[in-house]
Amino acid sequence: MGRASRGITLQQLEYFIEVAAEGSITGAAELLYVAQPTMSAAMKDLESRVGRTLLSRSARGVTLTEEGAEFLGYARQVVEQMSLLEQRYLNQPPSRRLLGVSAQHYSFVVEAFIRMVRSGDVEQYEFSLRETRTWDIIEDVRTLRSEVGILYRNDFNRKVIDKLLRDSGLVFHPLFAAAPHIFISRKNPLAARERVTLSDLTDLPRLTFDQGANNSFYFAEEILSTLSSKREIRVSDRATIFNLMIGLDGYTISTGIISDDLDPEIVAIPLEVDESIEIGWISHSGFPLTDQAQRYLAEVRAVVVDYGIDLLDSP
């Protein structure tokens, strides 16, 4: 008679979730105060039990395989449901909340994140907010490093973005449509204008977010990426781009949503072009959102509505 198959333990699932989040067995072990050999053995045992390779190991750490990404979705659901069960029937304190969000560089994303954290009802949480490149956003959600991604599409990049999402097992959920604006310093001479045209921008440095190795026009974070510019500067973060707006009178094109509290030195001026920016969030098609992800998206919608913009979806 063959030996009975061994089951998966809840502890293994919790370990696996942390390893996936950290991208490192050693990092997860340190976070959970577990010896590294113990964590490594637990992951190998887990893979043996499920009969699949869940982690791809290299000198730089670990990444999820396709089967590992699928497994992570189920693992998160099991751990979350066990936490709810313990809270309801064993009077356990609320567990640490987990959420990962990857996004293009939008202040409303940060503002919603702040609201979510401030309104939280748990003492322990582990949230990550990654403002990053378009390709990396999609890859983060595909591998479930992040549960939610936020990016834009329009008529120019729609086919490319939609195909990449489809091939990655992801879904785009429209959130709102925005008229293009330029972001500039309050000290910029154009800041007094009600509207600007492309010709008004000819002599100003155009500031764009660097897309790294995937620096295709289709992955640009800004519309009109194929238009030539006499002066162009690529940056990697919002703090730098805002500093260059102030120091060099540069501009970037975005949604028009800017927070006076978070970015008091920057203003948004409507840009006269026949274009529209569709902002949406992406998620894995195979898994429902966790409660924490739904809370965050509710805050995103609230922020957008507070800026007087109509939503394209509903909770």
Protein backbone atom coordinates (compact mmCIF):
# COMPACT_ATOMS: atom_id res chain seq x y z
CA MET A 1 0.00 0.00 0.00
CA GLY A 2 1.39 3.41 -0.97
CA ARG A 3 2.11 6.04 1.62
CA ALA A 4 -0.68 8.59 2.06
CA SER A 5 0.08 11.97 0.54
CA ARG A 6 0.98 14.72 2.95
CA GLY A 7 -1.16 17.83 3.24
CA ILE A 8 -0.14 21.45 2.96
CA THR A 9 0.18 23.31 6.24
CA LEU A 10 -1.08 26.83 6.92
CA GLN A 11 2.42 27.77 8.06
CA GLN A 12 3.83 26.78 4.69
CA LEU A 13 1.30 28.99 2.95
CA GLU A 14 2.21 31.92 5.21
CA TYR A 15 5.90 31.34 4.54
CA PHE A 16 5.29 31.13 0.80
CA ILE A 17 3.35 34.42 0.76
CA GLU A 18 6.23 36.20 2.49
CA VAL A 19 8.85 34.66 0.20
CA ALA A 20 6.86 35.82 -2.84
CA ALA A 21 6.48 39.34 -1.40
CA GLU A 22 10.17 39.65 -0.50
CA GLY A 23 11.52 37.97 -3.61
CA SER A 24 13.98 36.29 -1.30
CA ILE A 25 13.94 33.24 0.98
CA THR A 26 16.52 34.88 3.21
CA GLY A 27 14.54 38.13 3.38
CA ALA A 28 11.33 36.29 4.29
CA ALA A 29 13.17 34.28 6.93
CA GLU A 30 14.52 37.45 8.54
CA LEU A 31 11.11 39.09 8.45
CA LEU A 32 9.46 36.11 10.16
CA TYR A 33 12.39 35.43 12.55
CA VAL A 34 12.90 31.98 11.06
CA ALA A 35 16.28 30.40 10.31
CA GLN A 36 17.10 30.59 6.62
CA PRO A 37 17.69 26.81 6.28
CA THR A 38 14.29 26.21 7.89
CA MET A 39 12.57 28.55 5.42
CA SER A 40 14.40 27.04 2.46
CA ALA A 41 13.47 23.52 3.56
CA ALA A 42 9.84 24.56 4.03
CA MET A 43 9.66 25.87 0.46
CA LYS A 44 11.23 22.72 -0.99
CA ASP A 45 8.83 20.58 1.03
CA LEU A 46 5.89 22.66 -0.17
CA GLU A 47 6.92 22.19 -3.78
CA SER A 48 7.31 18.47 -3.15
CA ARG A 49 3.84 18.24 -1.66
CA VAL A 50 2.12 20.02 -4.53
CA GLY A 51 4.30 18.33 -7.14
CA ARG A 52 5.11 21.59 -8.92
CA THR A 53 7.97 24.07 -9.11
CA LEU A 54 6.60 27.23 -7.54
CA LEU A 55 9.79 29.28 -7.24
CA SER A 56 12.54 30.02 -9.73
CA ARG A 57 15.78 30.41 -7.79
CA SER A 58 18.82 32.47 -8.79
CA ALA A 59 21.71 34.30 -7.17
CA ARG A 60 19.55 37.45 -7.04
CA GLY A 61 16.71 35.78 -5.15
CA VAL A 62 13.53 34.00 -6.17
CA THR A 63 10.70 34.75 -8.57
CA LEU A 64 7.40 32.99 -9.04
CA THR A 65 6.93 30.52 -11.85
CA GLU A 66 3.62 30.64 -13.71
CA GLU A 67 2.31 27.86 -11.49
CA GLY A 68 3.73 29.66 -8.47
CA ALA A 69 1.80 32.82 -9.35
CA GLU A 70 -1.41 30.81 -9.62
CA PHE A 71 -0.67 29.02 -6.35
CA LEU A 72 -0.02 32.34 -4.58
CA GLY A 73 -3.52 33.53 -5.41
CA TYR A 74 -5.07 30.51 -3.74
CA ALA A 75 -2.66 30.68 -0.80
CA ARG A 76 -3.63 34.28 -0.06
CA GLN A 77 -7.32 33.39 -0.10
CA VAL A 78 -6.82 30.45 2.30
CA VAL A 79 -4.74 32.52 4.75
CA GLU A 80 -7.20 35.41 4.64
CA GLN A 81 -10.19 33.12 5.22
CA MET A 82 -8.42 31.40 8.13
CA SER A 83 -7.72 34.79 9.66
CA LEU A 84 -11.39 35.74 9.38
CA LEU A 85 -12.43 32.42 10.91
CA GLU A 86 -10.08 32.90 13.88
CA GLN A 87 -11.30 36.45 14.44
CA ARG A 88 -14.93 35.36 14.44
CA TYR A 89 -14.75 32.13 16.45
CA LEU A 90 -11.53 32.23 18.46
CA ASN A 91 -11.47 35.95 19.32
CA GLN A 92 -8.04 36.30 17.77
CA PRO A 93 -6.79 39.85 17.16
CA PRO A 94 -6.90 40.97 13.52
CA SER A 95 -3.93 39.68 11.54
CA ARG A 96 -1.50 41.87 9.68
CA ARG A 97 -3.11 43.22 6.51
CA LEU A 98 -1.25 42.68 3.24
CA LEU A 99 -1.54 44.63 0.01
CA GLY A 100 0.72 45.40 -2.91
CA VAL A 101 -0.05 48.12 -5.48
CA SER A 102 2.05 48.99 -8.54
CA ALA A 103 1.23 52.13 -10.51
CA GLN A 104 2.35 54.77 -12.92
CA HIS A 105 3.26 58.09 -11.33
CA TYR A 106 -0.09 59.55 -10.27
CA SER A 107 -0.67 61.65 -7.15
CA PHE A 108 -4.24 60.35 -6.78
CA VAL A 109 -2.77 56.86 -6.32
CA VAL A 110 -0.69 58.10 -3.39
CA GLU A 111 -3.54 60.17 -1.95
CA ALA A 112 -5.84 57.13 -1.95
CA PHE A 113 -3.09 55.07 -0.32
CA ILE A 114 -2.75 57.64 2.45
CA ARG A 115 -6.51 57.64 3.04
CA MET A 116 -6.57 53.85 3.21
CA VAL A 117 -3.79 53.72 5.78
CA ARG A 118 -5.29 56.50 7.92
CA SER A 119 -8.72 54.90 7.95
CA GLY A 120 -7.36 51.43 8.71
CA ASP A 121 -8.78 49.51 11.64
CA VAL A 122 -5.84 47.18 12.27
CA GLU A 123 -2.65 47.75 14.23
CA GLN A 124 -0.46 45.61 11.99
CA TYR A 125 -0.14 45.82 8.22
CA GLU A 126 2.37 45.37 5.45
CA PHE A 127 1.58 47.48 2.41
CA SER A 128 3.73 48.19 -0.62
CA LEU A 129 3.24 50.98 -3.16
CA ARG A 130 5.52 50.84 -6.18
CA GLU A 131 5.56 53.75 -8.62
CA THR A 132 7.29 52.07 -11.50
CA ARG A 133 7.53 51.45 -15.24
CA THR A 134 4.59 50.30 -17.32
CA TRP A 135 6.09 46.91 -18.16
CA ASP A 136 7.00 46.31 -14.50
CA ILE A 137 3.46 47.13 -13.37
CA ILE A 138 2.09 44.42 -15.62
CA GLU A 139 4.79 41.98 -14.53
CA ASP A 140 4.18 42.75 -10.84
CA VAL A 141 0.49 41.91 -11.16
CA ARG A 142 1.13 38.89 -13.38
CA THR A 143 3.41 37.37 -10.73
CA LEU A 144 1.15 38.62 -7.90
CA ARG A 145 3.91 40.71 -6.40
CA SER A 146 1.17 43.33 -6.48
CA GLU A 147 -2.53 42.60 -6.35
CA VAL A 148 -3.54 45.76 -8.19
CA GLY A 149 -1.85 47.79 -10.93
CA ILE A 150 -2.86 51.27 -12.12
CA LEU A 151 -1.98 52.56 -15.59
CA TYR A 152 -3.43 54.33 -18.60
CA ARG A 153 -4.34 53.41 -22.13
CA ASN A 154 -5.65 55.36 -25.13
CA ASP A 155 -6.27 54.83 -28.83
CA PHE A 156 -2.54 54.79 -29.53
CA ASN A 157 -1.40 52.10 -27.10
CA ARG A 158 -4.66 50.21 -26.51
CA LYS A 159 -4.02 47.22 -28.80
CA VAL A 160 -0.50 46.66 -27.49
CA ILE A 161 -1.46 47.04 -23.82
CA ASP A 162 -4.57 44.88 -24.15
CA LYS A 163 -2.65 42.09 -25.88
CA LEU A 164 0.06 42.11 -23.24
CA LEU A 165 -2.53 42.01 -20.48
CA ARG A 166 -4.42 39.20 -22.19
CA ASP A 167 -1.24 37.16 -22.68
CA SER A 168 -0.41 37.71 -18.99
CA GLY A 169 -3.81 36.56 -17.74
CA LEU A 170 -4.75 40.07 -16.59
CA VAL A 171 -7.84 42.25 -16.98
CA PHE A 172 -8.07 46.04 -17.43
CA HIS A 173 -10.90 47.69 -15.48
CA PRO A 174 -11.65 51.27 -16.69
CA LEU A 175 -11.74 53.76 -13.84
CA PHE A 176 -12.10 57.24 -15.37
CA ALA A 177 -11.37 59.24 -18.51
CA ALA A 178 -9.32 62.41 -18.22
CA ALA A 179 -8.63 65.31 -20.55
CA PRO A 180 -4.87 65.84 -21.02
CA HIS A 181 -3.22 68.53 -18.91
CA ILE A 182 0.34 69.71 -18.51
CA PHE A 183 1.94 69.76 -15.09
CA ILE A 184 4.20 72.77 -14.55
CA SER A 185 5.62 74.86 -11.73
CA ARG A 186 3.44 77.63 -10.32
CA LYS A 187 6.28 79.99 -11.27
CA ASN A 188 6.17 78.97 -14.94
CA PRO A 189 4.81 81.82 -17.15
CA LEU A 190 2.24 79.40 -18.59
CA ALA A 191 0.75 78.84 -15.12
CA ALA A 192 -1.40 81.95 -15.57
CA ARG A 193 -2.98 80.58 -18.75
CA GLU A 194 -6.41 78.96 -18.83
CA ARG A 195 -5.31 76.58 -21.61
CA VAL A 196 -2.14 75.84 -23.54
CA THR A 197 -1.37 74.40 -26.97
CA LEU A 198 1.46 72.19 -28.16
CA SER A 199 3.07 75.21 -29.81
CA ASP A 200 3.27 76.90 -26.40
CA LEU A 201 5.48 74.04 -25.24
CA THR A 202 7.99 74.10 -28.09
CA ASP A 203 10.85 75.72 -26.16
CA LEU A 204 10.22 74.05 -22.80
CA PRO A 205 11.98 70.86 -21.67
CA ARG A 206 9.65 67.87 -21.97
CA LEU A 207 9.89 65.64 -18.92
CA THR A 208 8.99 61.97 -19.25
CA PHE A 209 9.27 58.86 -17.11
CA ASP A 210 11.98 56.47 -18.20
CA GLN A 211 10.74 53.02 -19.26
CA GLY A 212 14.08 51.26 -19.10
CA ALA A 213 14.72 48.37 -21.48
CA ASN A 214 11.09 48.49 -22.60
CA ASN A 215 11.29 52.11 -23.76
CA SER A 216 8.77 51.64 -26.56
CA PHE A 217 6.41 54.48 -27.47
CA TYR A 218 3.58 52.11 -26.54
CA PHE A 219 4.80 51.82 -22.94
CA ALA A 220 5.34 55.55 -22.42
CA GLU A 221 3.46 56.94 -19.45
CA GLU A 222 2.64 60.13 -21.33
CA ILE A 223 0.40 60.57 -24.37
CA LEU A 224 1.82 62.00 -27.62
CA SER A 225 5.04 60.10 -26.98
CA THR A 226 5.85 59.95 -30.71
CA LEU A 227 6.01 63.74 -31.08
CA SER A 228 9.54 65.07 -31.33
CA SER A 229 10.88 67.53 -28.79
CA LYS A 230 13.91 69.81 -28.97
CA ARG A 231 14.58 69.31 -25.27
CA GLU A 232 13.72 66.08 -23.49
CA ILE A 233 14.68 64.74 -20.08
CA ARG A 234 13.78 61.27 -18.79
CA VAL A 235 13.49 60.67 -15.07
CA SER A 236 12.58 57.76 -12.82
CA ASP A 237 10.51 59.30 -10.00
CA ARG A 238 7.95 62.01 -9.30
CA ALA A 239 10.13 63.96 -6.88
CA THR A 240 12.76 64.48 -9.59
CA ILE A 241 10.24 65.38 -12.28
CA PHE A 242 8.66 68.00 -10.02
CA ASN A 243 12.06 69.43 -9.12
CA LEU A 244 12.84 69.81 -12.83
CA MET A 245 9.52 71.53 -13.40
CA ILE A 246 10.51 74.06 -10.79
CA GLY A 247 14.19 74.37 -11.66
CA LEU A 248 14.00 74.22 -15.47
CA ASP A 249 10.41 75.27 -16.25
CA GLY A 250 9.86 71.80 -17.67
CA TYR A 251 6.49 70.13 -18.23
CA THR A 252 4.94 66.71 -18.43
CA ILE A 253 1.54 65.59 -19.74
CA SER A 254 -0.81 63.77 -17.41
CA THR A 255 -4.38 63.51 -16.12
CA GLY A 256 -4.86 66.93 -14.54
CA ILE A 257 -5.33 65.48 -11.05
CA ILE A 258 -2.76 67.05 -8.76
CA SER A 259 -2.91 67.29 -4.96
CA ASP A 260 -2.41 70.74 -3.46
CA ASP A 261 -1.48 69.08 -0.17
CA LEU A 262 1.08 66.63 -1.61
CA ASP A 263 2.38 68.75 -4.51
CA PRO A 264 1.73 72.42 -3.60
CA GLU A 265 4.27 73.86 -6.09
CA ILE A 266 2.76 72.18 -9.17
CA VAL A 267 -0.34 73.15 -11.17
CA ALA A 268 -2.28 71.46 -13.97
CA ILE A 269 -3.24 73.42 -17.10
CA PRO A 270 -5.57 71.95 -19.78
CA LEU A 271 -3.81 71.04 -23.03
CA GLU A 272 -5.68 71.65 -26.28
CA VAL A 273 -5.35 68.32 -28.08
CA ASP A 274 -7.86 65.87 -29.47
CA GLU A 275 -6.90 63.11 -27.06
CA SER A 276 -8.29 61.33 -24.02
CA ILE A 277 -6.56 59.43 -21.24
CA GLU A 278 -8.31 56.35 -19.87
CA ILE A 279 -7.07 55.40 -16.43
CA GLY A 280 -7.82 51.94 -15.13
CA TRP A 281 -6.70 49.27 -12.72
CA ILE A 282 -5.52 45.80 -13.65
CA SER A 283 -5.85 42.55 -11.77
CA HIS A 284 -5.33 38.85 -12.25
CA SER A 285 -8.28 37.37 -14.11
CA GLY A 286 -8.24 34.15 -12.08
CA PHE A 287 -8.58 35.49 -8.55
CA PRO A 288 -11.05 37.71 -6.70
CA LEU A 289 -9.66 40.76 -4.95
CA THR A 290 -8.91 40.58 -1.25
CA ASP A 291 -10.89 42.79 1.10
CA GLN A 292 -7.87 45.08 1.52
CA ALA A 293 -7.53 45.59 -2.24
CA GLN A 294 -11.22 46.45 -2.45
CA ARG A 295 -10.78 48.97 0.37
CA TYR A 296 -7.95 50.61 -1.53
CA LEU A 297 -9.88 50.82 -4.78
CA ALA A 298 -12.80 52.35 -2.89
CA GLU A 299 -10.44 55.10 -1.71
CA VAL A 300 -9.15 55.58 -5.27
CA ARG A 301 -12.70 56.08 -6.51
CA ALA A 302 -13.44 58.50 -3.66
CA VAL A 303 -10.36 60.60 -4.48
CA VAL A 304 -11.27 60.75 -8.17
CA VAL A 305 -14.85 61.79 -7.39
CA ASP A 306 -13.57 64.47 -4.99
CA TYR A 307 -11.73 66.02 -7.95
CA GLY A 308 -15.02 66.27 -9.84
CA ILE A 309 -14.33 63.46 -12.30
CA ASP A 310 -16.98 60.92 -13.27
CA LEU A 311 -16.17 57.27 -12.78
CA LEU A 312 -16.41 54.73 -15.59
CA ASP A 313 -17.00 51.87 -13.16
CA SER A 314 -18.79 51.27 -9.91
CA PRO A 315 -17.70 49.36 -6.80
